[in-house]
């Protein structure tokens, strides 16, 4: 927004040790300054992520003290600690706070952590979440499935629902499908994190074993469960290809190879509220989609995404049935209405106006 001056505190690209990139430490474009803080390398585990966050918070506080004063704080957060850091800053500086919540961390951790750890830490995490949400003047939830939960935690906070969207690079470069040899089995491509939350280790090895040479899998990514997945598929099948993360520009080539794109979330109650951003990226390709999801994600796909088959998470029989159905209709489909409605540029423009209105109304 031209009437605002914006400082963005983010990090150098640092998601996986195996996949690194670099960007300027300071980038200035018009009225926006981007400060990219350097974090230690990590393997995507919780311990490493915790150390990375501490480094981010320390550098961020120094930058805020040296670059201020400010009139408002905005934070986009898929981890509670980022939102809580923004809350600390807003309270210290007595500034209005707008949060963009992309995951319910406390809800997820209760399911994902070992039971003893969840029992020990859940009260602290939920108290921190309550303090964070109740401190915000306005909260955007990326999934409508989060709304009831957030209303219960922070009933007096204004709520918005600007969803994930489709980036321009996927809108303008929807890949044409490469011709497949009639004798070749269908290729199922997954691109993304390979962690406990995705639960690939609970479904791909068994589906690959049961279907054998009637199907091929290509998994592109890294995460906390990649070694377990590698061990499991190495034991039972040779029809699963595991590739390291690739730059986003290279995903188009892999999507062009695919007969079916695969999305999966583990079978945890917390994931019934989420709306993965991968849905939008996959939908832009026009490819058939096999989605092992439940709750709001399943409802959203059934209502809005054509040529997609939804089955319960970790349901091997359900996935095999989805593959069989989609293999008979693997030609790309036109999802133009979906692409127009969920273009990220349109969604973020509307959200930017909402943030600007919030800042001006509290200034």
Protein backbone atom coordinates (compact mmCIF):
# COMPACT_ATOMS: atom_id res chain seq x y z
CA UNK A 1 0.00 0.00 0.00
CA UNK A 2 1.66 3.27 -1.13
CA UNK A 3 0.41 5.27 1.88
CA UNK A 4 2.22 2.95 4.32
CA UNK A 5 5.90 2.38 5.00
CA UNK A 6 6.51 -1.31 5.62
CA UNK A 7 9.46 -3.15 7.17
CA UNK A 8 9.44 -6.94 6.77
CA UNK A 9 11.51 -9.12 9.09
CA UNK A 10 12.00 -12.52 7.51
CA UNK A 11 14.86 -14.98 7.09
CA UNK A 12 17.23 -16.20 4.46
CA UNK A 13 15.79 -19.28 2.69
CA UNK A 14 16.48 -21.99 5.23
CA UNK A 15 13.85 -24.71 5.23
CA UNK A 16 16.11 -27.69 4.62
CA UNK A 17 19.83 -28.28 4.99
CA UNK A 18 19.71 -30.18 1.68
CA UNK A 19 18.10 -27.30 -0.19
CA UNK A 20 19.56 -23.85 0.23
CA UNK A 21 19.32 -20.58 -1.63
CA UNK A 22 20.41 -17.04 -0.98
CA UNK A 23 18.80 -13.63 -1.17
CA UNK A 24 19.90 -10.07 -0.31
CA UNK A 25 20.12 -9.33 3.42
CA UNK A 26 18.38 -6.00 2.74
CA UNK A 27 16.07 -5.40 -0.19
CA UNK A 28 14.26 -2.10 -0.76
CA UNK A 29 11.38 -1.78 -3.21
CA UNK A 30 9.51 1.51 -3.05
CA UNK A 31 8.04 1.89 0.42
CA UNK A 32 8.91 -1.68 1.48
CA UNK A 33 12.14 -2.77 3.15
CA UNK A 34 12.84 -6.50 3.53
CA UNK A 35 15.33 -7.55 6.21
CA UNK A 36 16.46 -11.17 5.80
CA UNK A 37 18.00 -12.56 8.96
CA UNK A 38 20.52 -15.41 8.85
CA UNK A 39 19.61 -18.55 10.79
CA UNK A 40 21.65 -21.66 11.60
CA UNK A 41 21.23 -24.62 9.28
CA UNK A 42 18.75 -27.22 10.48
CA UNK A 43 17.24 -30.60 9.62
CA UNK A 44 13.60 -29.52 10.05
CA UNK A 45 13.24 -31.23 13.45
CA UNK A 46 11.56 -29.48 16.37
CA UNK A 47 14.82 -28.96 18.29
CA UNK A 48 16.54 -27.36 15.31
CA UNK A 49 13.50 -25.23 14.56
CA UNK A 50 13.51 -24.02 18.16
CA UNK A 51 17.14 -22.94 17.91
CA UNK A 52 16.42 -21.22 14.59
CA UNK A 53 13.52 -19.33 16.15
CA UNK A 54 15.65 -18.10 19.05
CA UNK A 55 18.19 -16.76 16.55
CA UNK A 56 15.39 -15.08 14.59
CA UNK A 57 13.87 -13.47 17.70
CA UNK A 58 17.19 -12.08 18.92
CA UNK A 59 18.08 -10.56 15.55
CA UNK A 60 14.52 -9.38 15.05
CA UNK A 61 14.42 -7.48 18.35
CA UNK A 62 17.71 -5.76 17.49
CA UNK A 63 16.37 -4.75 14.08
CA UNK A 64 13.11 -3.43 15.55
CA UNK A 65 14.94 -1.33 18.14
CA UNK A 66 17.26 0.16 15.53
CA UNK A 67 14.78 0.70 12.69
CA UNK A 68 11.64 1.94 14.50
CA UNK A 69 9.45 3.64 15.57
CA UNK A 70 6.42 1.77 14.19
CA UNK A 71 2.66 2.24 14.22
CA UNK A 72 1.42 -1.36 14.04
CA UNK A 73 2.58 -4.98 14.00
CA UNK A 74 1.51 -7.59 11.46
CA UNK A 75 2.62 -11.23 11.63
CA UNK A 76 1.94 -14.21 9.42
CA UNK A 77 2.50 -17.40 11.36
CA UNK A 78 2.27 -21.12 10.76
CA UNK A 79 4.05 -21.67 14.07
CA UNK A 80 2.68 -20.18 17.27
CA UNK A 81 6.06 -18.77 18.29
CA UNK A 82 6.19 -16.34 15.37
CA UNK A 83 2.79 -14.95 16.32
CA UNK A 84 3.80 -14.87 20.00
CA UNK A 85 6.99 -12.98 19.12
CA UNK A 86 4.86 -10.41 17.29
CA UNK A 87 2.60 -10.22 20.34
CA UNK A 88 5.59 -9.53 22.57
CA UNK A 89 6.73 -6.76 20.24
CA UNK A 90 3.26 -5.21 20.03
CA UNK A 91 2.88 -5.21 23.82
CA UNK A 92 6.35 -3.83 24.48
CA UNK A 93 5.79 -1.01 22.00
CA UNK A 94 2.07 -0.62 22.77
CA UNK A 95 1.09 -1.15 19.13
CA UNK A 96 -2.03 -2.69 17.53
CA UNK A 97 -1.55 -6.27 16.32
CA UNK A 98 -2.93 -8.04 13.23
CA UNK A 99 -2.25 -11.79 13.03
CA UNK A 100 -2.44 -14.02 9.96
CA UNK A 101 -2.83 -17.54 11.37
CA UNK A 102 -1.93 -20.35 8.98
CA UNK A 103 -1.98 -23.27 11.41
CA UNK A 104 -3.33 -24.03 14.90
CA UNK A 105 -0.05 -24.92 16.55
CA UNK A 106 -1.42 -25.86 19.98
CA UNK A 107 -4.08 -28.06 18.43
CA UNK A 108 -1.57 -29.75 16.14
CA UNK A 109 1.08 -30.31 18.81
CA UNK A 110 -1.42 -32.03 21.09
CA UNK A 111 -1.89 -34.65 18.37
CA UNK A 112 1.63 -34.91 16.98
CA UNK A 113 3.77 -34.92 20.14
CA UNK A 114 4.25 -38.10 22.17
CA UNK A 115 1.52 -38.37 24.80
CA UNK A 116 3.80 -37.66 27.77
CA UNK A 117 5.21 -34.58 26.08
CA UNK A 118 1.78 -33.32 25.01
CA UNK A 119 0.50 -33.76 28.57
CA UNK A 120 3.46 -31.83 29.97
CA UNK A 121 3.54 -28.98 27.47
CA UNK A 122 -0.06 -28.60 26.27
CA UNK A 123 -1.16 -26.31 29.16
CA UNK A 124 1.78 -23.98 28.52
CA UNK A 125 1.27 -23.96 24.76
CA UNK A 126 -2.47 -23.30 25.08
CA UNK A 127 -1.88 -20.49 27.59
CA UNK A 128 0.62 -18.91 25.20
CA UNK A 129 -1.83 -19.30 22.33
CA UNK A 130 -4.64 -17.71 24.35
CA UNK A 131 -2.42 -14.75 25.28
CA UNK A 132 -1.36 -14.36 21.66
CA UNK A 133 -4.81 -14.54 20.09
CA UNK A 134 -6.47 -12.35 22.71
CA UNK A 135 -3.79 -9.68 22.25
CA UNK A 136 -4.63 -9.24 18.57
CA UNK A 137 -7.06 -6.63 17.38
CA UNK A 138 -7.76 -8.62 14.23
CA UNK A 139 -6.97 -12.19 13.14
CA UNK A 140 -7.06 -13.68 9.68
CA UNK A 141 -7.50 -17.46 9.48
CA UNK A 142 -6.30 -19.11 6.29
CA UNK A 143 -8.84 -21.92 6.71
CA UNK A 144 -12.50 -21.46 7.55
CA UNK A 145 -12.03 -24.64 9.57
CA UNK A 146 -10.02 -22.58 12.11
CA UNK A 147 -12.76 -20.03 12.71
CA UNK A 148 -14.77 -21.72 15.48
CA UNK A 149 -11.60 -22.62 17.38
CA UNK A 150 -10.24 -19.06 17.26
CA UNK A 151 -13.62 -17.61 18.27
CA UNK A 152 -13.60 -19.82 21.36
CA UNK A 153 -10.07 -18.74 22.32
CA UNK A 154 -10.46 -15.02 21.49
CA UNK A 155 -14.19 -14.20 21.25
CA UNK A 156 -13.70 -10.43 21.19
CA UNK A 157 -11.09 -10.38 18.40
CA UNK A 158 -12.21 -9.44 14.88
CA UNK A 159 -11.95 -12.35 12.45
CA UNK A 160 -11.20 -12.49 8.72
CA UNK A 161 -10.88 -15.38 6.23
CA UNK A 162 -8.41 -14.66 3.42
CA UNK A 163 -7.37 -18.10 2.19
CA UNK A 164 -4.25 -19.42 0.54
CA UNK A 165 -4.12 -18.81 -3.19
CA UNK A 166 -2.46 -19.66 -6.47
CA UNK A 167 0.79 -17.87 -7.29
CA UNK A 168 1.20 -16.13 -10.64
CA UNK A 169 3.91 -18.58 -11.69
CA UNK A 170 1.41 -21.43 -11.51
CA UNK A 171 -1.40 -19.44 -13.10
CA UNK A 172 0.73 -18.44 -16.09
CA UNK A 173 2.73 -21.64 -16.51
CA UNK A 174 0.25 -24.46 -16.12
CA UNK A 175 2.27 -27.33 -17.60
CA UNK A 176 1.11 -29.28 -20.59
CA UNK A 177 0.97 -32.98 -19.93
CA UNK A 178 3.84 -34.92 -21.46
CA UNK A 179 2.70 -37.93 -23.47
CA UNK A 180 3.07 -41.18 -21.57
CA UNK A 181 3.98 -44.50 -23.09
CA UNK A 182 0.81 -46.56 -23.16
CA UNK A 183 2.65 -49.42 -21.46
CA UNK A 184 4.06 -47.25 -18.66
CA UNK A 185 2.23 -47.29 -15.32
CA UNK A 186 0.73 -43.99 -14.11
CA UNK A 187 3.13 -41.67 -12.29
CA UNK A 188 1.89 -40.25 -8.98
CA UNK A 189 3.80 -37.15 -7.85
CA UNK A 190 3.96 -35.70 -4.34
CA UNK A 191 5.85 -32.45 -3.70
CA UNK A 192 6.21 -30.98 -0.23
CA UNK A 193 7.25 -31.67 3.31
CA UNK A 194 7.81 -35.27 4.39
CA UNK A 195 7.07 -35.15 8.10
CA UNK A 196 4.77 -36.57 10.72
CA UNK A 197 2.05 -34.16 9.66
CA UNK A 198 1.97 -35.54 6.12
CA UNK A 199 2.09 -39.19 7.19
CA UNK A 200 3.47 -40.46 3.87
CA UNK A 201 5.24 -43.26 5.71
CA UNK A 202 1.83 -44.57 6.77
CA UNK A 203 0.41 -45.00 3.28
CA UNK A 204 2.86 -44.88 0.34
CA UNK A 205 4.89 -48.01 1.21
CA UNK A 206 1.80 -50.21 1.51
CA UNK A 207 0.07 -48.80 -1.58
CA UNK A 208 3.30 -49.22 -3.57
CA UNK A 209 3.70 -52.78 -2.31
CA UNK A 210 0.12 -53.76 -3.16
CA UNK A 211 0.07 -52.18 -6.61
CA UNK A 212 3.60 -53.20 -7.53
CA UNK A 213 4.60 -52.32 -11.08
CA UNK A 214 1.10 -51.02 -11.86
CA UNK A 215 2.03 -47.61 -10.44
CA UNK A 216 5.05 -45.34 -9.92
CA UNK A 217 5.54 -42.81 -7.12
CA UNK A 218 7.78 -39.75 -7.17
CA UNK A 219 8.16 -37.99 -3.81
CA UNK A 220 9.93 -34.61 -3.91
CA UNK A 221 10.81 -33.12 -0.54
CA UNK A 222 12.39 -33.57 2.84
CA UNK A 223 11.36 -33.63 6.47
CA UNK A 224 11.41 -35.45 9.75
CA UNK A 225 10.05 -38.73 8.35
CA UNK A 226 12.09 -38.97 5.15
CA UNK A 227 14.52 -41.55 6.55
CA UNK A 228 11.68 -43.75 7.78
CA UNK A 229 9.95 -43.50 4.42
CA UNK A 230 13.19 -44.31 2.60
CA UNK A 231 13.76 -47.37 4.77
CA UNK A 232 10.20 -48.61 4.32
CA UNK A 233 10.06 -48.26 0.54
CA UNK A 234 13.55 -49.70 0.23
CA UNK A 235 12.42 -52.80 2.05
CA UNK A 236 9.33 -53.56 -0.01
CA UNK A 237 9.34 -51.89 -3.41
CA UNK A 238 11.41 -50.32 -6.17
CA UNK A 239 8.58 -48.27 -7.70
CA UNK A 240 9.02 -45.28 -5.38
CA UNK A 241 11.45 -42.52 -6.35
CA UNK A 242 12.56 -40.16 -3.57
CA UNK A 243 14.02 -36.82 -4.70
CA UNK A 244 15.38 -33.90 -2.65
CA UNK A 245 13.55 -30.56 -2.61
CA UNK A 246 13.79 -28.57 -5.84
CA UNK A 247 13.30 -24.86 -6.61
CA UNK A 248 9.69 -23.95 -7.29
CA UNK A 249 10.46 -23.25 -10.94
CA UNK A 250 11.49 -26.88 -11.40
CA UNK A 251 8.22 -28.21 -10.02
CA UNK A 252 6.52 -27.41 -13.33
CA UNK A 253 8.62 -30.08 -15.01
CA UNK A 254 7.68 -32.69 -12.43
CA UNK A 255 4.02 -31.75 -12.60
CA UNK A 256 4.20 -32.11 -16.38
CA UNK A 257 5.41 -35.69 -15.86
CA UNK A 258 2.58 -36.54 -13.48
CA UNK A 259 -0.55 -38.49 -14.26
CA UNK A 260 -1.88 -37.90 -10.74
CA UNK A 261 -0.85 -35.41 -8.05
CA UNK A 262 -0.96 -36.70 -4.49
CA UNK A 263 -1.83 -34.83 -1.29
CA UNK A 264 -1.97 -36.39 2.16
CA UNK A 265 -2.31 -35.38 5.80
CA UNK A 266 -1.84 -37.71 8.73
CA UNK A 267 -4.87 -39.01 10.61
CA UNK A 268 -4.98 -36.49 13.46
CA UNK A 269 -8.06 -34.56 14.65
CA UNK A 270 -6.25 -31.21 14.37
CA UNK A 271 -5.76 -31.68 10.63
CA UNK A 272 -9.51 -31.79 10.05
CA UNK A 273 -9.49 -28.00 10.40
CA UNK A 274 -6.67 -27.14 7.99
CA UNK A 275 -6.65 -26.13 4.33
CA UNK A 276 -3.24 -26.99 2.81
CA UNK A 277 -1.78 -24.49 0.35
CA UNK A 278 -0.77 -27.42 -1.85
CA UNK A 279 -4.43 -27.82 -2.88
CA UNK A 280 -4.27 -24.52 -4.75
CA UNK A 281 -0.92 -25.24 -6.39
CA UNK A 282 -2.05 -28.68 -7.55
CA UNK A 283 -5.40 -27.41 -8.80
CA UNK A 284 -3.68 -24.84 -11.02
CA UNK A 285 -2.04 -27.62 -13.06
CA UNK A 286 -5.33 -29.14 -14.17
CA UNK A 287 -3.99 -32.55 -13.14
CA UNK A 288 -6.13 -35.19 -11.42
CA UNK A 289 -5.65 -35.05 -7.65
CA UNK A 290 -5.74 -37.90 -5.13
CA UNK A 291 -6.19 -36.39 -1.66
CA UNK A 292 -6.03 -38.31 1.59
CA UNK A 293 -7.58 -35.66 3.82
CA UNK A 294 -10.52 -35.28 6.18
CA UNK A 295 -12.69 -32.53 7.63
CA UNK A 296 -12.64 -29.07 6.09
CA UNK A 297 -10.00 -29.95 3.46
CA UNK A 298 -12.10 -32.84 2.18
CA UNK A 299 -15.20 -30.64 2.08
CA UNK A 300 -13.34 -27.87 0.23
CA UNK A 301 -11.91 -30.19 -2.43
CA UNK A 302 -15.25 -31.90 -3.06
CA UNK A 303 -17.00 -28.54 -3.44
CA UNK A 304 -14.40 -26.60 -5.44
CA UNK A 305 -11.88 -28.85 -7.24
CA UNK A 306 -12.94 -30.87 -10.26
CA UNK A 307 -11.40 -34.23 -11.14
CA UNK A 308 -10.20 -34.92 -7.61
CA UNK A 309 -10.76 -38.02 -5.51
CA UNK A 310 -10.86 -37.69 -1.73
CA UNK A 311 -10.30 -40.60 0.62
CA UNK A 312 -9.72 -40.86 4.40
CA UNK A 313 -6.15 -40.28 5.62
CA UNK A 314 -3.97 -43.41 5.80
CA UNK A 315 -6.68 -45.46 4.03
CA UNK A 316 -4.73 -47.76 1.72
CA UNK A 317 -7.83 -49.24 0.07
CA UNK A 318 -9.28 -45.76 -0.43
CA UNK A 319 -6.13 -44.53 -2.13
CA UNK A 320 -5.95 -47.55 -4.41
CA UNK A 321 -9.56 -46.93 -5.46
CA UNK A 322 -8.80 -43.24 -6.08
CA UNK A 323 -5.80 -44.15 -8.25
CA UNK A 324 -7.88 -46.57 -10.30
CA UNK A 325 -10.60 -43.96 -10.89
CA UNK A 326 -8.19 -41.16 -11.77
CA UNK A 327 -6.04 -43.34 -14.02
CA UNK A 328 -9.04 -43.64 -16.34
CA UNK A 329 -9.41 -39.85 -16.55
CA UNK A 330 -5.86 -38.53 -16.42
CA UNK A 331 -6.31 -35.76 -19.01
CA UNK A 332 -5.99 -32.24 -17.54
CA UNK A 333 -9.25 -30.42 -16.84
CA UNK A 334 -10.14 -26.75 -17.08
CA UNK A 335 -10.42 -25.28 -13.59
CA UNK A 336 -10.64 -21.66 -14.75
CA UNK A 337 -13.38 -20.58 -12.30
CA UNK A 338 -11.32 -21.94 -9.41
CA UNK A 339 -8.14 -20.26 -10.68
CA UNK A 340 -9.88 -16.91 -11.01
CA UNK A 341 -11.48 -17.08 -7.58
CA UNK A 342 -8.32 -18.16 -5.77
CA UNK A 343 -5.60 -16.21 -7.58
CA UNK A 344 -3.21 -15.18 -4.82
CA UNK A 345 -2.82 -11.68 -6.25
CA UNK A 346 -6.55 -11.04 -5.89
CA UNK A 347 -6.68 -12.46 -2.36
CA UNK A 348 -3.58 -10.65 -1.11
CA UNK A 349 -4.75 -7.35 -2.61
CA UNK A 350 -7.99 -7.62 -0.65
CA UNK A 351 -6.07 -8.57 2.48
CA UNK A 352 -3.62 -5.68 2.04
CA UNK A 353 -6.54 -3.25 1.99
CA UNK A 354 -7.88 -4.86 5.16
CA UNK A 355 -4.51 -4.52 6.91
CA UNK A 356 -4.21 -0.88 5.82
CA UNK A 357 -7.72 -0.15 7.11
CA UNK A 358 -6.79 -1.79 10.43
CA UNK A 359 -3.63 0.32 10.75
CA UNK A 360 -5.40 3.58 9.93
CA UNK A 361 -8.32 2.85 12.26
CA UNK A 362 -5.90 2.27 15.15
CA UNK A 363 -3.52 5.14 14.44
